[in-house]
């Protein structure tokens, strides 16, 4: 994945040396340094904001009855997150845990390695787009595994995404709003953990289909911090 490198602080350090050498020109040099520094900080802030908008966290509002899991989405509830709408087609990636799977490490992600395709043309007349059938179950029980779930595992029932959820996208202003409703019940009942998302302008395989310790930690424990930090580092 293409990585952008931010370079900051060089202008300020250079101006410090110039101020020491100029003596009577302190006032003019100081003004120049301040202006240059503000420009540098403004450019850096803009770049950081742009990077941050390309990834984020999926955070539910519920807590398990035994208080062991926070920020989850229980059956009957929903969770939403927003993604910036690009003028070009872009591809949404995400991962969040099938919490009832425990150490088996089942998680939900886009069915395609390229992610869920989004474009402004999909949302004419304030249309709501259903993406449920573009989501599937995967498993990452360890750091070397990321593969599709295709069958039951003991009492744990495999199913299509529609057996667990309804996922929709709307376009509001210049953002895509993704809403995931937990509709699971009966044999399929499970909370969803919090998760991580990113968006890209390419069809490259991303973190949600790449085996890693960070993905396995999310899939087996519901803890998102390590995976979020991995995605943040990759997007810079």
Protein backbone atom coordinates (compact mmCIF):
# COMPACT_ATOMS: atom_id res chain seq x y z
CA UNK A 1 0.00 0.00 0.00
CA UNK A 2 1.30 3.46 -0.84
CA UNK A 3 2.65 5.21 2.27
CA UNK A 4 2.87 8.99 2.62
CA UNK A 5 5.73 10.45 4.62
CA UNK A 6 5.13 13.67 6.55
CA UNK A 7 8.14 15.90 7.14
CA UNK A 8 7.84 18.65 9.76
CA UNK A 9 10.02 20.86 11.96
CA UNK A 10 12.80 21.54 9.42
CA UNK A 11 11.76 25.14 8.80
CA UNK A 12 11.64 25.99 12.49
CA UNK A 13 15.06 24.45 13.18
CA UNK A 14 16.60 26.33 10.27
CA UNK A 15 15.12 29.64 11.39
CA UNK A 16 16.55 29.17 14.89
CA UNK A 17 20.07 29.11 13.42
CA UNK A 18 19.38 32.17 11.26
CA UNK A 19 18.08 34.17 14.23
CA UNK A 20 21.26 33.48 16.18
CA UNK A 21 23.39 34.79 13.32
CA UNK A 22 21.37 37.87 12.29
CA UNK A 23 21.49 39.97 15.46
CA UNK A 24 19.86 43.32 14.57
CA UNK A 25 17.44 41.66 12.11
CA UNK A 26 15.70 39.66 14.86
CA UNK A 27 12.32 41.31 14.27
CA UNK A 28 12.11 40.68 10.53
CA UNK A 29 13.58 37.21 10.80
CA UNK A 30 11.24 36.33 13.65
CA UNK A 31 8.24 37.41 11.58
CA UNK A 32 9.48 35.36 8.63
CA UNK A 33 10.07 32.33 10.85
CA UNK A 34 6.60 32.61 12.40
CA UNK A 35 4.94 32.83 9.00
CA UNK A 36 6.96 29.93 7.61
CA UNK A 37 6.32 27.82 10.70
CA UNK A 38 2.58 28.44 10.53
CA UNK A 39 2.58 27.38 6.87
CA UNK A 40 4.48 24.20 7.74
CA UNK A 41 2.13 23.40 10.63
CA UNK A 42 -0.93 24.11 8.50
CA UNK A 43 0.28 21.78 5.72
CA UNK A 44 1.09 19.05 8.22
CA UNK A 45 -2.29 19.43 9.95
CA UNK A 46 -4.06 19.18 6.59
CA UNK A 47 -2.14 16.04 5.65
CA UNK A 48 -2.80 14.41 9.03
CA UNK A 49 -6.51 15.18 8.73
CA UNK A 50 -6.59 13.69 5.23
CA UNK A 51 -4.84 10.53 6.44
CA UNK A 52 -7.09 10.15 9.46
CA UNK A 53 -10.24 10.35 7.34
CA UNK A 54 -9.09 7.25 5.45
CA UNK A 55 -9.28 4.97 8.47
CA UNK A 56 -11.14 4.75 11.75
CA UNK A 57 -12.84 2.66 14.39
CA UNK A 58 -16.24 0.98 14.61
CA UNK A 59 -17.42 1.53 18.16
CA UNK A 60 -20.64 0.08 19.58
CA UNK A 61 -22.41 1.56 22.58
CA UNK A 62 -23.22 -1.61 24.55
CA UNK A 63 -21.47 -3.53 27.32
CA UNK A 64 -21.79 -7.26 27.99
CA UNK A 65 -23.80 -8.34 31.02
CA UNK A 66 -20.66 -9.54 32.82
CA UNK A 67 -18.90 -6.23 31.96
CA UNK A 68 -16.09 -8.12 30.24
CA UNK A 69 -16.71 -6.58 26.80
CA UNK A 70 -17.34 -2.91 26.14
CA UNK A 71 -18.30 -0.96 23.02
CA UNK A 72 -20.04 -3.94 21.42
CA UNK A 73 -23.24 -4.12 19.36
CA UNK A 74 -25.84 -6.48 20.81
CA UNK A 75 -28.61 -8.23 18.85
CA UNK A 76 -31.35 -5.72 18.14
CA UNK A 77 -28.99 -2.74 18.16
CA UNK A 78 -26.94 -1.05 15.44
CA UNK A 79 -23.64 0.75 14.96
CA UNK A 80 -22.69 3.41 12.39
CA UNK A 81 -19.53 5.02 11.11
CA UNK A 82 -18.74 7.58 8.39
CA UNK A 83 -16.31 7.44 5.49
CA UNK A 84 -15.35 10.44 3.30
CA UNK A 85 -16.92 10.32 -0.16
CA UNK A 86 -14.31 10.64 -2.90
CA UNK A 87 -15.04 11.92 -6.41
CA UNK A 88 -13.71 8.58 -7.66
CA UNK A 89 -14.73 5.02 -6.87
CA UNK A 90 -13.22 3.83 -3.62
CA UNK A 91 -13.08 0.58 -1.67
CA UNK A 92 -14.16 0.09 1.92
CA UNK A 93 -12.44 -2.43 4.18
CA UNK A 94 -13.39 -3.38 7.75
CA UNK A 95 -13.25 -6.13 10.34
CA UNK A 96 -15.22 -6.76 13.53
CA UNK A 97 -15.57 -9.90 15.65
CA UNK A 98 -18.38 -12.45 15.74
CA UNK A 99 -18.15 -12.25 19.52
CA UNK A 100 -19.78 -15.62 20.29
CA UNK A 101 -16.96 -17.39 18.44
CA UNK A 102 -14.37 -16.66 21.13
CA UNK A 103 -11.00 -18.30 20.51
CA UNK A 104 -12.21 -19.69 17.16
CA UNK A 105 -11.68 -16.17 15.88
CA UNK A 106 -14.61 -15.60 13.55
CA UNK A 107 -14.97 -12.09 12.19
CA UNK A 108 -16.96 -10.18 9.59
CA UNK A 109 -15.31 -8.42 6.64
CA UNK A 110 -16.08 -7.61 2.99
CA UNK A 111 -16.55 -10.83 1.02
CA UNK A 112 -14.15 -9.60 -1.68
CA UNK A 113 -10.48 -8.96 -0.95
CA UNK A 114 -10.82 -5.68 -2.87
CA UNK A 115 -13.42 -4.44 -0.36
CA UNK A 116 -16.88 -2.93 -0.87
CA UNK A 117 -16.94 -0.58 -3.86
CA UNK A 118 -18.48 2.85 -3.22
CA UNK A 119 -19.15 5.67 -5.66
CA UNK A 120 -21.34 8.75 -5.58
CA UNK A 121 -23.34 7.54 -8.59
CA UNK A 122 -24.78 4.75 -6.40
CA UNK A 123 -26.69 7.26 -4.27
CA UNK A 124 -28.83 9.26 -6.67
CA UNK A 125 -32.11 10.56 -5.22
CA UNK A 126 -30.87 9.91 -1.65
CA UNK A 127 -30.87 6.18 -2.29
CA UNK A 128 -29.99 3.75 0.52
CA UNK A 129 -27.71 0.97 -0.71
CA UNK A 130 -27.86 -2.46 0.94
CA UNK A 131 -24.38 -4.05 1.15
CA UNK A 132 -25.31 -7.03 3.35
CA UNK A 133 -24.60 -9.57 0.61
CA UNK A 134 -21.12 -8.10 0.16
CA UNK A 135 -20.10 -9.13 3.69
CA UNK A 136 -18.98 -12.60 4.80
CA UNK A 137 -17.61 -14.57 7.74
CA UNK A 138 -13.89 -15.21 8.08
CA UNK A 139 -11.67 -16.71 10.74
CA UNK A 140 -8.31 -15.66 12.16
CA UNK A 141 -7.66 -17.93 15.15
CA UNK A 142 -3.93 -17.25 14.94
CA UNK A 143 -1.46 -14.89 13.31
CA UNK A 144 -0.95 -17.07 10.22
CA UNK A 145 -4.61 -17.61 9.31
CA UNK A 146 -7.18 -15.47 7.55
CA UNK A 147 -9.69 -17.56 5.63
CA UNK A 148 -13.38 -17.77 4.83
CA UNK A 149 -15.71 -19.71 7.13
CA UNK A 150 -17.69 -22.24 5.09
CA UNK A 151 -19.26 -24.59 7.65
CA UNK A 152 -20.42 -24.99 11.25
CA UNK A 153 -17.84 -25.49 13.96
CA UNK A 154 -19.45 -27.52 16.73
CA UNK A 155 -22.30 -25.49 18.20
CA UNK A 156 -21.11 -22.40 16.34
CA UNK A 157 -23.30 -21.95 13.27
CA UNK A 158 -22.04 -20.74 9.94
CA UNK A 159 -24.39 -18.54 7.94
CA UNK A 160 -24.61 -15.80 5.34
CA UNK A 161 -24.20 -12.22 6.49
CA UNK A 162 -27.97 -11.79 6.27
CA UNK A 163 -28.35 -14.39 9.05
CA UNK A 164 -26.51 -11.99 11.34
CA UNK A 165 -27.02 -8.45 10.15
CA UNK A 166 -28.37 -5.86 7.77
CA UNK A 167 -25.74 -3.43 6.46
CA UNK A 168 -26.62 -0.28 4.52
CA UNK A 169 -24.89 2.81 3.16
CA UNK A 170 -26.32 6.29 2.67
CA UNK A 171 -24.62 9.44 1.42
CA UNK A 172 -24.97 12.47 3.67
CA UNK A 173 -23.30 15.68 2.48
CA UNK A 174 -19.83 14.51 1.44
CA UNK A 175 -19.72 11.40 3.63
CA UNK A 176 -20.85 7.80 3.28
CA UNK A 177 -22.64 6.62 6.41
CA UNK A 178 -22.41 2.87 6.97
CA UNK A 179 -24.95 1.37 9.37
CA UNK A 180 -24.72 -2.22 10.58
CA UNK A 181 -27.77 -3.58 12.38
CA UNK A 182 -27.30 -6.72 14.46
CA UNK A 183 -30.30 -8.89 13.50
CA UNK A 184 -28.88 -12.19 14.77
CA UNK A 185 -31.11 -14.53 16.75
CA UNK A 186 -31.60 -18.20 17.56
CA UNK A 187 -28.72 -20.39 16.37
CA UNK A 188 -26.99 -17.33 14.89
CA UNK A 189 -27.26 -14.99 17.85
CA UNK A 190 -24.07 -13.13 18.67
CA UNK A 191 -22.89 -9.67 19.71
CA UNK A 192 -20.48 -7.87 17.37
CA UNK A 193 -17.24 -6.48 18.75
CA UNK A 194 -15.91 -3.03 17.98
CA UNK A 195 -13.79 -2.93 14.84
CA UNK A 196 -11.57 -1.09 12.38
CA UNK A 197 -12.20 0.32 8.91
CA UNK A 198 -10.20 1.92 6.10
CA UNK A 199 -10.93 3.21 2.62
CA UNK A 200 -8.70 3.10 -0.45
CA UNK A 201 -8.82 4.24 -4.07
CA UNK A 202 -7.35 0.93 -5.23
CA UNK A 203 -8.51 -2.69 -5.24
CA UNK A 204 -5.52 -3.86 -3.24
CA UNK A 205 -5.88 -6.55 -0.59
CA UNK A 206 -5.96 -4.93 2.85
CA UNK A 207 -5.72 -5.68 6.57
CA UNK A 208 -9.12 -7.39 6.68
CA UNK A 209 -7.88 -10.25 4.47
CA UNK A 210 -4.26 -10.35 5.56
CA UNK A 211 -3.22 -12.74 8.33
CA UNK A 212 -1.55 -10.94 11.23
CA UNK A 213 -1.32 -11.05 15.00
CA UNK A 214 -3.29 -7.80 15.12
CA UNK A 215 -6.18 -9.23 13.10
CA UNK A 216 -6.18 -12.40 15.20
CA UNK A 217 -6.30 -10.36 18.40
CA UNK A 218 -9.42 -8.59 17.13
CA UNK A 219 -11.01 -11.83 15.91
CA UNK A 220 -10.39 -13.81 19.11
CA UNK A 221 -10.82 -11.13 21.78
CA UNK A 222 -12.66 -8.22 20.19
CA UNK A 223 -9.84 -5.83 21.13
CA UNK A 224 -9.27 -3.41 18.26
CA UNK A 225 -6.36 -1.22 19.44
CA UNK A 226 -3.50 -3.20 17.88
CA UNK A 227 -5.23 -3.54 14.51
CA UNK A 228 -6.22 0.11 14.51
CA UNK A 229 -2.63 1.16 15.13
CA UNK A 230 -1.42 -1.16 12.37
CA UNK A 231 -3.87 0.39 9.89
CA UNK A 232 -2.92 3.91 11.02
CA UNK A 233 0.75 3.18 10.39
CA UNK A 234 0.04 1.67 6.96
CA UNK A 235 -2.04 4.65 5.87
CA UNK A 236 0.67 7.22 6.63
